N, C-alpha and C. Protein backbone atom coordinates (compact mmCIF):
# COMPACT_ATOMS: atom_id res chain seq x y z
N MET A 1 -120.85 -26.24 177.42
CA MET A 1 -119.72 -27.16 177.58
C MET A 1 -118.43 -26.36 177.72
N THR A 2 -117.51 -26.91 178.48
CA THR A 2 -116.20 -26.29 178.61
C THR A 2 -115.39 -26.58 177.35
N PRO A 3 -114.32 -25.81 177.10
CA PRO A 3 -113.49 -26.10 175.93
C PRO A 3 -112.96 -27.54 175.90
N LEU A 4 -112.59 -28.08 177.05
CA LEU A 4 -112.10 -29.46 177.09
C LEU A 4 -113.21 -30.45 176.74
N GLU A 5 -114.42 -30.19 177.20
CA GLU A 5 -115.54 -31.06 176.86
C GLU A 5 -115.85 -31.00 175.36
N ILE A 6 -115.76 -29.81 174.77
CA ILE A 6 -115.98 -29.66 173.33
C ILE A 6 -114.94 -30.48 172.57
N ARG A 7 -113.68 -30.36 172.98
CA ARG A 7 -112.60 -31.11 172.34
C ARG A 7 -112.84 -32.62 172.45
N HIS A 8 -113.19 -33.06 173.64
CA HIS A 8 -113.40 -34.49 173.88
C HIS A 8 -114.58 -35.01 173.06
N THR A 9 -115.67 -34.27 173.04
CA THR A 9 -116.85 -34.68 172.27
C THR A 9 -116.53 -34.77 170.79
N ALA A 10 -115.76 -33.82 170.28
CA ALA A 10 -115.39 -33.83 168.86
C ALA A 10 -114.52 -35.03 168.52
N ILE A 11 -113.57 -35.35 169.38
CA ILE A 11 -112.71 -36.52 169.13
C ILE A 11 -113.53 -37.81 169.17
N GLU A 12 -114.41 -37.92 170.14
CA GLU A 12 -115.26 -39.12 170.22
C GLU A 12 -116.10 -39.29 168.96
N ALA A 13 -116.69 -38.20 168.47
CA ALA A 13 -117.50 -38.27 167.26
C ALA A 13 -116.65 -38.64 166.05
N THR A 14 -115.45 -38.08 165.97
CA THR A 14 -114.55 -38.37 164.85
C THR A 14 -114.12 -39.83 164.88
N MET A 15 -113.75 -40.33 166.05
CA MET A 15 -113.36 -41.74 166.16
C MET A 15 -114.53 -42.65 165.80
N ALA A 16 -115.71 -42.32 166.27
CA ALA A 16 -116.88 -43.15 165.97
C ALA A 16 -117.14 -43.22 164.47
N ARG A 17 -116.90 -42.11 163.80
CA ARG A 17 -117.17 -42.05 162.35
C ARG A 17 -116.11 -42.78 161.53
N PHE A 18 -114.83 -42.69 161.94
CA PHE A 18 -113.74 -43.16 161.08
C PHE A 18 -112.99 -44.40 161.57
N ARG A 19 -113.19 -44.82 162.81
CA ARG A 19 -112.50 -46.02 163.29
C ARG A 19 -112.99 -47.23 162.51
N GLY A 20 -112.07 -48.03 162.03
CA GLY A 20 -112.42 -49.25 161.32
C GLY A 20 -112.76 -49.05 159.85
N ARG A 21 -112.77 -47.82 159.38
CA ARG A 21 -113.04 -47.56 157.96
C ARG A 21 -111.70 -47.44 157.23
N PRO A 22 -111.41 -48.33 156.30
CA PRO A 22 -110.11 -48.33 155.62
C PRO A 22 -109.85 -47.01 154.89
N PHE A 23 -108.58 -46.64 154.86
CA PHE A 23 -108.15 -45.44 154.15
C PHE A 23 -108.55 -45.53 152.69
N ASP A 24 -109.08 -44.44 152.16
CA ASP A 24 -109.50 -44.38 150.77
C ASP A 24 -109.42 -42.92 150.32
N TRP A 25 -108.46 -42.61 149.45
CA TRP A 25 -108.27 -41.23 149.00
C TRP A 25 -109.61 -40.62 148.58
N GLY A 26 -109.88 -39.44 149.11
CA GLY A 26 -111.07 -38.68 148.73
C GLY A 26 -112.34 -39.07 149.45
N LYS A 27 -112.29 -40.15 150.21
CA LYS A 27 -113.47 -40.60 150.95
C LYS A 27 -113.18 -40.74 152.44
N VAL A 28 -112.13 -41.48 152.75
CA VAL A 28 -111.70 -41.68 154.13
C VAL A 28 -110.20 -41.42 154.16
N ASP A 29 -109.83 -40.17 154.31
CA ASP A 29 -108.42 -39.80 154.38
C ASP A 29 -108.24 -38.71 155.42
N CYS A 30 -107.01 -38.27 155.63
CA CYS A 30 -106.75 -37.34 156.72
C CYS A 30 -107.47 -36.00 156.52
N ALA A 31 -107.62 -35.54 155.29
CA ALA A 31 -108.31 -34.27 155.05
C ALA A 31 -109.79 -34.38 155.40
N LYS A 32 -110.41 -35.50 155.04
CA LYS A 32 -111.83 -35.71 155.36
C LYS A 32 -112.02 -35.83 156.87
N VAL A 33 -111.10 -36.51 157.54
CA VAL A 33 -111.16 -36.65 159.00
C VAL A 33 -111.02 -35.28 159.66
N ALA A 34 -110.03 -34.50 159.22
CA ALA A 34 -109.80 -33.17 159.80
C ALA A 34 -111.00 -32.26 159.58
N ALA A 35 -111.58 -32.29 158.39
CA ALA A 35 -112.75 -31.45 158.10
C ALA A 35 -113.92 -31.84 159.00
N PHE A 36 -114.17 -33.14 159.15
CA PHE A 36 -115.24 -33.61 160.03
C PHE A 36 -114.99 -33.15 161.46
N HIS A 37 -113.75 -33.33 161.93
CA HIS A 37 -113.38 -32.95 163.29
C HIS A 37 -113.60 -31.45 163.51
N LEU A 38 -113.14 -30.63 162.57
CA LEU A 38 -113.31 -29.19 162.71
C LEU A 38 -114.79 -28.79 162.71
N LYS A 39 -115.60 -29.47 161.92
CA LYS A 39 -117.05 -29.19 161.95
C LYS A 39 -117.61 -29.51 163.33
N LYS A 40 -117.17 -30.61 163.91
CA LYS A 40 -117.64 -30.97 165.25
C LYS A 40 -117.15 -29.98 166.31
N MET A 41 -116.07 -29.28 166.00
CA MET A 41 -115.55 -28.25 166.90
C MET A 41 -116.26 -26.91 166.70
N GLY A 42 -117.15 -26.85 165.71
CA GLY A 42 -117.91 -25.62 165.48
C GLY A 42 -117.45 -24.78 164.31
N PHE A 43 -116.45 -25.24 163.57
CA PHE A 43 -115.97 -24.49 162.41
C PHE A 43 -116.92 -24.68 161.23
N LYS A 44 -117.05 -23.65 160.43
CA LYS A 44 -117.82 -23.73 159.19
C LYS A 44 -116.83 -24.10 158.08
N ILE A 45 -116.75 -25.36 157.76
CA ILE A 45 -115.78 -25.86 156.78
C ILE A 45 -116.52 -26.32 155.54
N SER A 46 -116.06 -25.84 154.39
CA SER A 46 -116.61 -26.31 153.13
C SER A 46 -115.46 -26.78 152.25
N ILE A 47 -115.44 -28.06 151.98
CA ILE A 47 -114.38 -28.60 151.13
C ILE A 47 -114.92 -28.97 149.75
N SER A 48 -116.14 -28.54 149.45
CA SER A 48 -116.72 -28.88 148.14
C SER A 48 -115.92 -28.27 146.99
N LYS A 49 -115.29 -27.11 147.24
CA LYS A 49 -114.48 -26.47 146.20
C LYS A 49 -113.30 -27.35 145.78
N ALA A 50 -112.88 -28.23 146.68
CA ALA A 50 -111.75 -29.12 146.38
C ALA A 50 -112.10 -30.13 145.31
N GLY A 51 -113.37 -30.46 145.18
CA GLY A 51 -113.77 -31.47 144.21
C GLY A 51 -113.40 -32.87 144.68
N SER A 52 -113.59 -33.83 143.82
CA SER A 52 -113.29 -35.21 144.18
C SER A 52 -111.86 -35.57 143.76
N TYR A 53 -111.31 -36.58 144.41
CA TYR A 53 -109.98 -37.08 144.08
C TYR A 53 -109.88 -38.52 144.54
N SER A 54 -108.93 -39.25 143.96
CA SER A 54 -108.79 -40.67 144.32
C SER A 54 -107.33 -41.11 144.41
N SER A 55 -106.42 -40.14 144.58
CA SER A 55 -105.00 -40.46 144.69
C SER A 55 -104.30 -39.31 145.41
N ALA A 56 -103.03 -39.53 145.75
CA ALA A 56 -102.24 -38.46 146.38
C ALA A 56 -102.10 -37.28 145.44
N ILE A 57 -101.86 -37.55 144.16
CA ILE A 57 -101.75 -36.46 143.18
C ILE A 57 -103.07 -35.70 143.10
N GLY A 58 -104.18 -36.42 143.10
CA GLY A 58 -105.49 -35.78 143.08
C GLY A 58 -105.73 -34.96 144.34
N ALA A 59 -105.26 -35.44 145.49
CA ALA A 59 -105.42 -34.70 146.73
C ALA A 59 -104.63 -33.39 146.67
N GLN A 60 -103.42 -33.44 146.12
CA GLN A 60 -102.63 -32.22 145.98
C GLN A 60 -103.33 -31.24 145.05
N ARG A 61 -103.90 -31.73 143.97
CA ARG A 61 -104.64 -30.86 143.05
C ARG A 61 -105.86 -30.25 143.75
N ALA A 62 -106.51 -31.02 144.61
CA ALA A 62 -107.67 -30.51 145.36
C ALA A 62 -107.26 -29.36 146.27
N ILE A 63 -106.09 -29.48 146.90
CA ILE A 63 -105.59 -28.40 147.75
C ILE A 63 -105.38 -27.14 146.92
N VAL A 64 -104.81 -27.30 145.74
CA VAL A 64 -104.59 -26.16 144.84
C VAL A 64 -105.93 -25.55 144.40
N ARG A 65 -106.92 -26.39 144.12
CA ARG A 65 -108.24 -25.87 143.73
C ARG A 65 -108.86 -25.03 144.84
N MET A 66 -108.50 -25.33 146.08
CA MET A 66 -109.02 -24.56 147.21
C MET A 66 -108.24 -23.26 147.40
N GLY A 67 -107.18 -23.07 146.61
CA GLY A 67 -106.42 -21.83 146.67
C GLY A 67 -105.16 -21.88 147.51
N TYR A 68 -104.68 -23.08 147.83
CA TYR A 68 -103.50 -23.22 148.67
C TYR A 68 -102.47 -24.11 147.98
N ASP A 69 -101.22 -24.00 148.43
CA ASP A 69 -100.14 -24.81 147.87
C ASP A 69 -99.90 -26.09 148.67
N THR A 70 -100.11 -26.00 149.99
CA THR A 70 -99.81 -27.13 150.86
C THR A 70 -100.90 -27.27 151.93
N ILE A 71 -100.89 -28.39 152.61
CA ILE A 71 -101.82 -28.58 153.72
C ILE A 71 -101.57 -27.56 154.84
N PRO A 72 -100.32 -27.29 155.24
CA PRO A 72 -100.12 -26.24 156.24
C PRO A 72 -100.68 -24.88 155.79
N ASP A 73 -100.51 -24.53 154.52
CA ASP A 73 -101.09 -23.28 154.02
C ASP A 73 -102.61 -23.28 154.18
N LEU A 74 -103.23 -24.42 153.88
CA LEU A 74 -104.68 -24.53 153.99
C LEU A 74 -105.13 -24.34 155.43
N LEU A 75 -104.46 -24.99 156.38
CA LEU A 75 -104.84 -24.85 157.79
C LEU A 75 -104.62 -23.42 158.28
N ASP A 76 -103.55 -22.78 157.83
CA ASP A 76 -103.35 -21.37 158.15
C ASP A 76 -104.50 -20.54 157.57
N GLY A 77 -104.90 -20.87 156.34
CA GLY A 77 -105.97 -20.13 155.67
C GLY A 77 -107.32 -20.27 156.34
N LEU A 78 -107.51 -21.32 157.11
CA LEU A 78 -108.76 -21.50 157.85
C LEU A 78 -108.82 -20.61 159.09
N GLY A 79 -107.69 -19.97 159.39
CA GLY A 79 -107.65 -19.10 160.57
C GLY A 79 -107.21 -19.79 161.84
N LEU A 80 -106.71 -21.02 161.71
CA LEU A 80 -106.20 -21.71 162.89
C LEU A 80 -104.87 -21.09 163.29
N THR A 81 -104.56 -21.14 164.58
CA THR A 81 -103.33 -20.55 165.11
C THR A 81 -102.26 -21.61 165.25
N ARG A 82 -101.10 -21.37 164.62
CA ARG A 82 -99.98 -22.30 164.79
C ARG A 82 -99.47 -22.21 166.22
N ILE A 83 -99.13 -23.37 166.74
CA ILE A 83 -98.61 -23.45 168.11
C ILE A 83 -97.41 -24.39 168.13
N PRO A 84 -96.54 -24.25 169.14
CA PRO A 84 -95.45 -25.23 169.27
C PRO A 84 -96.00 -26.58 169.72
N TYR A 85 -95.29 -27.62 169.37
CA TYR A 85 -95.68 -28.99 169.72
C TYR A 85 -95.94 -29.12 171.22
N SER A 86 -95.15 -28.42 172.02
CA SER A 86 -95.27 -28.53 173.48
C SER A 86 -96.58 -27.96 174.01
N ARG A 87 -97.32 -27.21 173.20
CA ARG A 87 -98.58 -26.60 173.65
C ARG A 87 -99.82 -27.34 173.14
N LEU A 88 -99.63 -28.48 172.51
CA LEU A 88 -100.77 -29.22 171.98
C LEU A 88 -101.73 -29.64 173.09
N LEU A 89 -103.01 -29.49 172.79
CA LEU A 89 -104.07 -29.96 173.68
C LEU A 89 -104.95 -30.94 172.91
N LEU A 90 -105.71 -31.70 173.64
CA LEU A 90 -106.64 -32.66 173.07
C LEU A 90 -107.42 -32.03 171.92
N GLY A 91 -107.38 -32.68 170.75
CA GLY A 91 -108.16 -32.22 169.60
C GLY A 91 -107.47 -31.26 168.67
N ASP A 92 -106.29 -30.76 169.04
CA ASP A 92 -105.56 -29.87 168.13
C ASP A 92 -105.10 -30.65 166.91
N LEU A 93 -104.81 -29.94 165.83
CA LEU A 93 -104.38 -30.58 164.59
C LEU A 93 -102.87 -30.51 164.42
N VAL A 94 -102.31 -31.55 163.84
CA VAL A 94 -100.88 -31.61 163.55
C VAL A 94 -100.69 -32.04 162.10
N VAL A 95 -99.54 -31.69 161.56
CA VAL A 95 -99.16 -32.13 160.22
C VAL A 95 -97.77 -32.74 160.30
N ALA A 96 -97.61 -33.88 159.66
CA ALA A 96 -96.33 -34.57 159.59
C ALA A 96 -96.16 -35.13 158.18
N ASP A 97 -94.97 -35.64 157.90
CA ASP A 97 -94.77 -36.29 156.61
C ASP A 97 -95.75 -37.45 156.47
N GLY A 98 -96.37 -37.53 155.32
CA GLY A 98 -97.31 -38.62 155.06
C GLY A 98 -96.71 -39.59 154.07
N HIS A 99 -97.55 -40.40 153.49
CA HIS A 99 -97.08 -41.32 152.46
C HIS A 99 -97.56 -40.81 151.10
N ASP A 100 -96.98 -41.30 150.06
CA ASP A 100 -97.32 -40.90 148.69
C ASP A 100 -97.01 -39.43 148.41
N GLY A 101 -96.05 -38.86 149.15
CA GLY A 101 -95.58 -37.52 148.83
C GLY A 101 -96.45 -36.37 149.27
N ILE A 102 -97.44 -36.60 150.11
CA ILE A 102 -98.28 -35.51 150.59
C ILE A 102 -98.29 -35.54 152.11
N ALA A 103 -98.32 -34.36 152.72
CA ALA A 103 -98.34 -34.28 154.17
C ALA A 103 -99.61 -34.91 154.73
N ALA A 104 -99.52 -35.36 155.98
CA ALA A 104 -100.66 -35.99 156.64
C ALA A 104 -101.12 -35.12 157.80
N ILE A 105 -102.43 -35.04 157.97
CA ILE A 105 -103.02 -34.32 159.10
C ILE A 105 -103.43 -35.34 160.15
N GLY A 106 -103.17 -35.02 161.40
CA GLY A 106 -103.61 -35.87 162.50
C GLY A 106 -104.27 -35.03 163.58
N ILE A 107 -104.94 -35.70 164.49
CA ILE A 107 -105.61 -35.05 165.61
C ILE A 107 -104.89 -35.47 166.88
N TYR A 108 -104.44 -34.49 167.65
CA TYR A 108 -103.69 -34.80 168.87
C TYR A 108 -104.62 -35.43 169.91
N ALA A 109 -104.21 -36.60 170.42
CA ALA A 109 -105.05 -37.33 171.37
C ALA A 109 -104.54 -37.22 172.81
N SER A 110 -103.27 -37.02 173.03
CA SER A 110 -102.62 -36.84 174.33
C SER A 110 -101.41 -37.74 174.43
N ASN A 111 -100.52 -37.38 175.35
CA ASN A 111 -99.31 -38.17 175.63
C ASN A 111 -98.51 -38.53 174.39
N GLY A 112 -98.43 -37.62 173.43
CA GLY A 112 -97.66 -37.86 172.22
C GLY A 112 -98.37 -38.68 171.17
N HIS A 113 -99.57 -39.12 171.44
CA HIS A 113 -100.34 -39.91 170.48
C HIS A 113 -101.17 -39.00 169.58
N VAL A 114 -101.21 -39.37 168.32
CA VAL A 114 -101.98 -38.64 167.32
C VAL A 114 -102.92 -39.63 166.64
N LEU A 115 -104.16 -39.21 166.43
CA LEU A 115 -105.10 -40.03 165.68
C LEU A 115 -104.90 -39.75 164.21
N GLY A 116 -104.65 -40.79 163.45
CA GLY A 116 -104.41 -40.62 162.02
C GLY A 116 -104.37 -41.98 161.34
N PHE A 117 -103.90 -41.97 160.12
CA PHE A 117 -103.77 -43.21 159.35
C PHE A 117 -102.30 -43.59 159.33
N HIS A 118 -102.02 -44.87 159.52
CA HIS A 118 -100.64 -45.36 159.49
C HIS A 118 -100.49 -46.23 158.25
N GLU A 119 -99.41 -45.98 157.50
CA GLU A 119 -99.23 -46.69 156.22
C GLU A 119 -99.18 -48.21 156.37
N ASP A 120 -98.82 -48.71 157.55
CA ASP A 120 -98.79 -50.15 157.76
C ASP A 120 -100.16 -50.72 158.15
N HIS A 121 -101.12 -49.84 158.42
CA HIS A 121 -102.44 -50.29 158.90
C HIS A 121 -103.57 -49.52 158.22
N LEU A 122 -103.44 -49.24 156.95
CA LEU A 122 -104.46 -48.45 156.25
C LEU A 122 -105.83 -49.13 156.24
N ASP A 123 -105.83 -50.44 156.36
CA ASP A 123 -107.10 -51.17 156.36
C ASP A 123 -107.84 -51.05 157.70
N ARG A 124 -107.17 -50.59 158.74
CA ARG A 124 -107.78 -50.47 160.07
C ARG A 124 -108.46 -49.13 160.30
N GLY A 125 -108.25 -48.20 159.41
CA GLY A 125 -108.84 -46.88 159.59
C GLY A 125 -108.04 -46.02 160.55
N LEU A 126 -108.71 -45.13 161.21
CA LEU A 126 -108.09 -44.18 162.12
C LEU A 126 -107.52 -44.91 163.33
N VAL A 127 -106.24 -44.71 163.60
CA VAL A 127 -105.57 -45.37 164.72
C VAL A 127 -104.72 -44.35 165.47
N ALA A 128 -104.30 -44.70 166.68
CA ALA A 128 -103.38 -43.86 167.43
C ALA A 128 -101.96 -44.18 166.98
N VAL A 129 -101.22 -43.15 166.60
CA VAL A 129 -99.85 -43.32 166.16
C VAL A 129 -98.95 -42.41 166.98
N ASP A 130 -97.71 -42.81 167.16
CA ASP A 130 -96.72 -41.97 167.83
C ASP A 130 -95.91 -41.26 166.77
N LEU A 131 -95.91 -39.94 166.82
CA LEU A 131 -95.08 -39.18 165.89
C LEU A 131 -94.82 -37.80 166.44
N LYS A 132 -93.79 -37.19 165.92
CA LYS A 132 -93.50 -35.80 166.25
C LYS A 132 -93.86 -34.99 165.02
N PRO A 133 -94.90 -34.19 165.13
CA PRO A 133 -95.36 -33.43 163.96
C PRO A 133 -94.39 -32.34 163.55
N ASP A 134 -94.49 -31.96 162.28
CA ASP A 134 -93.71 -30.84 161.77
C ASP A 134 -94.35 -29.51 162.15
N PHE A 135 -95.68 -29.48 162.20
CA PHE A 135 -96.43 -28.27 162.51
C PHE A 135 -97.63 -28.64 163.37
N ALA A 136 -98.14 -27.65 164.13
CA ALA A 136 -99.32 -27.88 164.97
C ALA A 136 -100.18 -26.63 164.99
N TRP A 137 -101.50 -26.85 165.14
CA TRP A 137 -102.46 -25.75 165.18
C TRP A 137 -103.43 -25.97 166.33
N SER A 138 -103.76 -24.90 167.02
CA SER A 138 -104.81 -24.94 168.03
C SER A 138 -106.16 -24.84 167.34
N VAL A 139 -107.13 -25.61 167.82
CA VAL A 139 -108.46 -25.57 167.23
C VAL A 139 -109.44 -24.71 168.03
N LEU A 140 -109.04 -24.21 169.18
CA LEU A 140 -109.89 -23.30 169.97
C LEU A 140 -109.10 -22.08 170.39
């Protein structure tokens, strides 16, 4: 498969898994979505060290248990390459301000759209949202 086909296949699998599943800390949240997506991209991701959590505070503690202070630190630690927003390609990861005081991870879908959870539609699961991320990483 070409890199674009790999990216497209990973996004389709991620959407199939998380579309329509309501947001639930530690079960269906941006970190779980990003980990699933990266696995579909061929990364060896293990988040078992993070342990379980059921709140934003618990999610922050899980990040610390993995040895990082923030979500951007964690993505850097996975070996992903930071890129400018203008270089985003299908399937790349972005981080923006989230709700409950923790950053949110999204998957770039194209044309400024990011797949993620929106605080006004948490019951709908993964949706396309318009946002300008604070940070971006290439996944290939």
